[in-house]
Amino acid sequence: MINVIASIRVKPGNVPAFLKAFKANVPNVLKEQGCIEYVPAVDVATGLPPQVLDANIVTILEKWESLDALLAHLKAPHMATYREAVRDLVAGPSSIKVLQEA
């Protein structure tokens, strides 16, 4: 299994619009072969150190059956449409981690 943690920096004031576009694409992604989980998440204040809150970061939590499934996802036509829809909302990726169980 492949886990992806992708943090996306959204331009200030655009998180609601970004989430709307992202969530509209989730059903398409969940239909992809090998997709187990695909959800957006935002920071929640906990007071736990060393947490650093950032209201302009949306973190995408993904689970895929295989690396091949993840790579196919990146090439899916609906992902190109999604990237175009959010292009003006996104300031850029903050980080991406692609992980497998140890």
N, C-alpha and C. Protein backbone atom coordinates (compact mmCIF):
# COMPACT_ATOMS: atom_id res chain seq x y z
N MET A 1 0.85 -1.18 0.00
CA MET A 1 0.00 0.00 0.00
C MET A 1 0.89 1.24 0.00
N ILE A 2 0.45 2.25 -0.72
CA ILE A 2 1.15 3.53 -0.81
C ILE A 2 0.30 4.59 -0.12
N ASN A 3 0.93 5.37 0.74
CA ASN A 3 0.28 6.50 1.40
C ASN A 3 0.90 7.79 0.89
N VAL A 4 0.07 8.77 0.65
CA VAL A 4 0.54 10.07 0.19
C VAL A 4 0.01 11.13 1.15
N ILE A 5 0.92 12.01 1.57
CA ILE A 5 0.55 13.18 2.35
C ILE A 5 1.06 14.38 1.56
N ALA A 6 0.14 15.08 0.93
CA ALA A 6 0.49 16.22 0.09
C ALA A 6 -0.11 17.49 0.68
N SER A 7 0.75 18.41 1.04
CA SER A 7 0.29 19.70 1.57
C SER A 7 0.36 20.73 0.47
N ILE A 8 -0.76 21.42 0.26
CA ILE A 8 -0.87 22.39 -0.82
C ILE A 8 -1.09 23.77 -0.22
N ARG A 9 -0.25 24.71 -0.62
CA ARG A 9 -0.40 26.09 -0.17
C ARG A 9 -1.42 26.78 -1.07
N VAL A 10 -2.48 27.25 -0.47
CA VAL A 10 -3.56 27.94 -1.18
C VAL A 10 -3.40 29.44 -0.95
N LYS A 11 -3.68 30.21 -1.97
CA LYS A 11 -3.60 31.67 -1.82
C LYS A 11 -4.57 32.14 -0.74
N PRO A 12 -4.15 33.12 0.07
CA PRO A 12 -5.01 33.60 1.17
C PRO A 12 -6.42 33.94 0.68
N GLY A 13 -7.40 33.48 1.46
CA GLY A 13 -8.80 33.75 1.15
C GLY A 13 -9.43 32.78 0.17
N ASN A 14 -8.64 31.84 -0.36
CA ASN A 14 -9.14 30.93 -1.39
C ASN A 14 -9.37 29.50 -0.93
N VAL A 15 -9.18 29.22 0.35
CA VAL A 15 -9.35 27.84 0.83
C VAL A 15 -10.77 27.32 0.57
N PRO A 16 -11.84 28.08 0.87
CA PRO A 16 -13.18 27.55 0.58
C PRO A 16 -13.39 27.19 -0.89
N ALA A 17 -12.93 28.03 -1.80
CA ALA A 17 -13.09 27.75 -3.23
C ALA A 17 -12.24 26.54 -3.64
N PHE A 18 -11.04 26.44 -3.08
CA PHE A 18 -10.18 25.29 -3.37
C PHE A 18 -10.85 24.00 -2.91
N LEU A 19 -11.36 24.00 -1.67
CA LEU A 19 -12.00 22.80 -1.13
C LEU A 19 -13.24 22.41 -1.95
N LYS A 20 -13.99 23.38 -2.42
CA LYS A 20 -15.17 23.09 -3.25
C LYS A 20 -14.75 22.37 -4.53
N ALA A 21 -13.71 22.88 -5.20
CA ALA A 21 -13.22 22.26 -6.43
C ALA A 21 -12.62 20.89 -6.15
N PHE A 22 -11.88 20.77 -5.06
CA PHE A 22 -11.27 19.50 -4.71
C PHE A 22 -12.34 18.44 -4.45
N LYS A 23 -13.31 18.80 -3.60
CA LYS A 23 -14.36 17.84 -3.23
C LYS A 23 -15.22 17.44 -4.43
N ALA A 24 -15.36 18.33 -5.40
CA ALA A 24 -16.11 17.99 -6.61
C ALA A 24 -15.41 16.89 -7.41
N ASN A 25 -14.09 16.80 -7.27
CA ASN A 25 -13.31 15.81 -8.00
C ASN A 25 -13.15 14.49 -7.24
N VAL A 26 -13.40 14.50 -5.94
CA VAL A 26 -13.19 13.30 -5.12
C VAL A 26 -13.94 12.08 -5.66
N PRO A 27 -15.22 12.17 -6.05
CA PRO A 27 -15.89 10.97 -6.58
C PRO A 27 -15.18 10.38 -7.80
N ASN A 28 -14.61 11.22 -8.66
CA ASN A 28 -13.86 10.72 -9.81
C ASN A 28 -12.64 9.93 -9.36
N VAL A 29 -11.93 10.47 -8.38
CA VAL A 29 -10.71 9.82 -7.90
C VAL A 29 -11.05 8.50 -7.21
N LEU A 30 -12.09 8.49 -6.41
CA LEU A 30 -12.46 7.26 -5.70
C LEU A 30 -12.87 6.14 -6.64
N LYS A 31 -13.27 6.48 -7.87
CA LYS A 31 -13.62 5.47 -8.88
C LYS A 31 -12.39 4.86 -9.55
N GLU A 32 -11.23 5.50 -9.36
CA GLU A 32 -10.01 5.01 -10.01
C GLU A 32 -9.60 3.66 -9.42
N GLN A 33 -9.09 2.81 -10.29
CA GLN A 33 -8.58 1.51 -9.85
C GLN A 33 -7.43 1.74 -8.86
N GLY A 34 -7.53 1.12 -7.70
CA GLY A 34 -6.46 1.18 -6.72
C GLY A 34 -6.58 2.28 -5.70
N CYS A 35 -7.58 3.15 -5.83
CA CYS A 35 -7.76 4.22 -4.84
C CYS A 35 -8.50 3.67 -3.63
N ILE A 36 -7.90 3.86 -2.46
CA ILE A 36 -8.51 3.40 -1.21
C ILE A 36 -9.08 4.58 -0.43
N GLU A 37 -8.34 5.69 -0.44
CA GLU A 37 -8.77 6.87 0.33
C GLU A 37 -8.23 8.12 -0.34
N TYR A 38 -9.01 9.20 -0.29
CA TYR A 38 -8.61 10.46 -0.91
C TYR A 38 -9.41 11.57 -0.25
N VAL A 39 -8.82 12.23 0.74
CA VAL A 39 -9.56 13.24 1.50
C VAL A 39 -8.70 14.48 1.77
N PRO A 40 -9.34 15.65 1.74
CA PRO A 40 -8.63 16.87 2.14
C PRO A 40 -8.75 17.06 3.65
N ALA A 41 -7.76 17.72 4.23
CA ALA A 41 -7.78 18.01 5.66
C ALA A 41 -7.16 19.39 5.89
N VAL A 42 -7.64 20.05 6.92
CA VAL A 42 -7.08 21.36 7.30
C VAL A 42 -6.66 21.30 8.77
N ASP A 43 -5.78 22.20 9.15
CA ASP A 43 -5.27 22.24 10.51
C ASP A 43 -6.38 22.48 11.52
N VAL A 44 -6.24 21.83 12.66
CA VAL A 44 -7.14 22.05 13.79
C VAL A 44 -6.26 22.39 14.99
N ALA A 45 -6.61 23.45 15.68
CA ALA A 45 -5.82 23.89 16.83
C ALA A 45 -5.95 22.88 17.96
N THR A 46 -4.82 22.41 18.44
CA THR A 46 -4.81 21.43 19.53
C THR A 46 -4.00 21.90 20.72
N GLY A 47 -3.11 22.86 20.51
CA GLY A 47 -2.22 23.28 21.57
C GLY A 47 -1.06 22.32 21.78
N LEU A 48 -0.97 21.29 20.93
CA LEU A 48 0.11 20.32 21.07
C LEU A 48 1.38 20.82 20.38
N PRO A 49 2.47 20.88 21.10
CA PRO A 49 3.73 21.23 20.45
C PRO A 49 4.24 20.03 19.67
N PRO A 50 4.90 20.15 18.60
CA PRO A 50 5.36 21.36 17.93
C PRO A 50 4.46 21.79 16.79
N GLN A 51 3.16 21.59 16.92
CA GLN A 51 2.23 21.91 15.85
C GLN A 51 2.34 23.38 15.44
N VAL A 52 2.39 23.59 14.12
CA VAL A 52 2.39 24.93 13.55
C VAL A 52 1.15 25.02 12.66
N LEU A 53 0.24 25.91 13.01
CA LEU A 53 -1.00 26.06 12.26
C LEU A 53 -0.79 26.96 11.05
N ASP A 54 -1.46 26.62 9.96
CA ASP A 54 -1.41 27.45 8.76
C ASP A 54 -2.77 27.35 8.07
N ALA A 55 -3.53 28.40 8.12
CA ALA A 55 -4.89 28.41 7.57
C ALA A 55 -4.90 28.33 6.04
N ASN A 56 -3.75 28.49 5.41
CA ASN A 56 -3.69 28.46 3.95
C ASN A 56 -3.11 27.16 3.40
N ILE A 57 -2.99 26.15 4.25
CA ILE A 57 -2.51 24.83 3.82
C ILE A 57 -3.67 23.84 3.86
N VAL A 58 -3.84 23.13 2.76
CA VAL A 58 -4.77 22.00 2.71
C VAL A 58 -3.91 20.76 2.50
N THR A 59 -4.07 19.79 3.37
CA THR A 59 -3.30 18.55 3.28
C THR A 59 -4.20 17.46 2.73
N ILE A 60 -3.71 16.80 1.70
CA ILE A 60 -4.45 15.72 1.06
C ILE A 60 -3.90 14.39 1.58
N LEU A 61 -4.79 13.56 2.12
CA LEU A 61 -4.42 12.25 2.62
C LEU A 61 -4.92 11.21 1.62
N GLU A 62 -3.99 10.43 1.09
CA GLU A 62 -4.32 9.46 0.05
C GLU A 62 -3.80 8.09 0.41
N LYS A 63 -4.54 7.06 0.00
CA LYS A 63 -4.08 5.68 0.11
C LYS A 63 -4.34 5.00 -1.23
N TRP A 64 -3.32 4.32 -1.72
CA TRP A 64 -3.39 3.63 -3.00
C TRP A 64 -2.93 2.20 -2.84
N GLU A 65 -3.50 1.30 -3.61
CA GLU A 65 -3.10 -0.10 -3.55
C GLU A 65 -1.66 -0.31 -3.99
N SER A 66 -1.18 0.55 -4.90
CA SER A 66 0.18 0.37 -5.44
C SER A 66 0.71 1.69 -5.97
N LEU A 67 2.00 1.72 -6.22
CA LEU A 67 2.61 2.89 -6.83
C LEU A 67 2.09 3.06 -8.26
N ASP A 68 1.86 1.97 -8.97
CA ASP A 68 1.31 2.07 -10.33
C ASP A 68 -0.05 2.75 -10.33
N ALA A 69 -0.89 2.44 -9.31
CA ALA A 69 -2.21 3.08 -9.21
C ALA A 69 -2.05 4.58 -8.98
N LEU A 70 -1.11 4.97 -8.12
CA LEU A 70 -0.86 6.39 -7.88
C LEU A 70 -0.39 7.09 -9.14
N LEU A 71 0.53 6.48 -9.85
CA LEU A 71 1.06 7.09 -11.08
C LEU A 71 -0.03 7.22 -12.15
N ALA A 72 -0.91 6.24 -12.24
CA ALA A 72 -2.04 6.32 -13.19
C ALA A 72 -2.97 7.46 -12.79
N HIS A 73 -3.18 7.63 -11.50
CA HIS A 73 -4.02 8.72 -10.99
C HIS A 73 -3.51 10.08 -11.47
N LEU A 74 -2.22 10.27 -11.42
CA LEU A 74 -1.64 11.56 -11.81
C LEU A 74 -1.87 11.88 -13.28
N LYS A 75 -2.08 10.84 -14.10
CA LYS A 75 -2.29 11.02 -15.54
C LYS A 75 -3.76 11.02 -15.94
N ALA A 76 -4.66 10.80 -14.98
CA ALA A 76 -6.09 10.70 -15.28
C ALA A 76 -6.62 12.02 -15.86
N PRO A 77 -7.47 11.95 -16.87
CA PRO A 77 -8.01 13.18 -17.49
C PRO A 77 -8.71 14.10 -16.49
N HIS A 78 -9.44 13.54 -15.53
CA HIS A 78 -10.13 14.40 -14.56
C HIS A 78 -9.15 15.14 -13.66
N MET A 79 -7.93 14.63 -13.52
CA MET A 79 -6.93 15.35 -12.72
C MET A 79 -6.42 16.57 -13.48
N ALA A 80 -6.31 16.46 -14.78
CA ALA A 80 -5.91 17.63 -15.59
C ALA A 80 -6.99 18.71 -15.49
N THR A 81 -8.25 18.30 -15.54
CA THR A 81 -9.36 19.25 -15.40
C THR A 81 -9.34 19.90 -14.02
N TYR A 82 -9.12 19.10 -12.99
CA TYR A 82 -9.04 19.62 -11.61
C TYR A 82 -7.88 20.62 -11.48
N ARG A 83 -6.70 20.25 -11.98
CA ARG A 83 -5.54 21.15 -11.87
C ARG A 83 -5.82 22.49 -12.53
N GLU A 84 -6.51 22.47 -13.64
CA GLU A 84 -6.87 23.71 -14.32
C GLU A 84 -7.87 24.51 -13.48
N ALA A 85 -8.80 23.82 -12.84
CA ALA A 85 -9.82 24.49 -12.03
C ALA A 85 -9.23 25.20 -10.82
N VAL A 86 -8.15 24.67 -10.26
CA VAL A 86 -7.57 25.25 -9.04
C VAL A 86 -6.30 26.06 -9.30
N ARG A 87 -5.89 26.13 -10.54
CA ARG A 87 -4.62 26.78 -10.90
C ARG A 87 -4.48 28.17 -10.29
N ASP A 88 -5.51 28.99 -10.35
CA ASP A 88 -5.42 30.36 -9.85
C ASP A 88 -5.65 30.46 -8.34
N LEU A 89 -6.01 29.36 -7.71
CA LEU A 89 -6.25 29.34 -6.26
C LEU A 89 -5.03 28.90 -5.47
N VAL A 90 -4.13 28.21 -6.14
CA VAL A 90 -3.00 27.58 -5.47
C VAL A 90 -1.74 28.43 -5.59
N ALA A 91 -1.05 28.58 -4.45
CA ALA A 91 0.22 29.30 -4.43
C ALA A 91 1.36 28.33 -4.72
N GLY A 92 1.13 27.05 -4.55
CA GLY A 92 2.15 26.04 -4.83
C GLY A 92 2.13 24.93 -3.81
N PRO A 93 2.79 23.82 -4.15
CA PRO A 93 2.86 22.74 -3.17
C PRO A 93 3.80 23.12 -2.04
N SER A 94 3.43 22.73 -0.83
CA SER A 94 4.32 22.96 0.30
C SER A 94 5.21 21.76 0.53
N SER A 95 4.59 20.56 0.42
CA SER A 95 5.38 19.34 0.57
C SER A 95 4.58 18.16 0.09
N ILE A 96 5.29 17.11 -0.24
CA ILE A 96 4.64 15.84 -0.60
C ILE A 96 5.49 14.72 -0.03
N LYS A 97 4.81 13.76 0.56
CA LYS A 97 5.46 12.55 1.07
C LYS A 97 4.74 11.37 0.45
N VAL A 98 5.49 10.49 -0.19
CA VAL A 98 4.96 9.24 -0.72
C VAL A 98 5.61 8.14 0.12
N LEU A 99 4.77 7.39 0.81
CA LEU A 99 5.27 6.44 1.81
C LEU A 99 4.71 5.05 1.60
N GLN A 100 5.48 4.07 2.04
CA GLN A 100 4.97 2.71 2.11
C GLN A 100 5.20 2.19 3.52
N GLU A 101 4.36 1.25 3.91
CA GLU A 101 4.47 0.71 5.25
C GLU A 101 5.82 0.04 5.46
N ALA A 102 6.42 0.29 6.60
CA ALA A 102 7.75 -0.26 6.89
C ALA A 102 7.65 -1.65 7.48
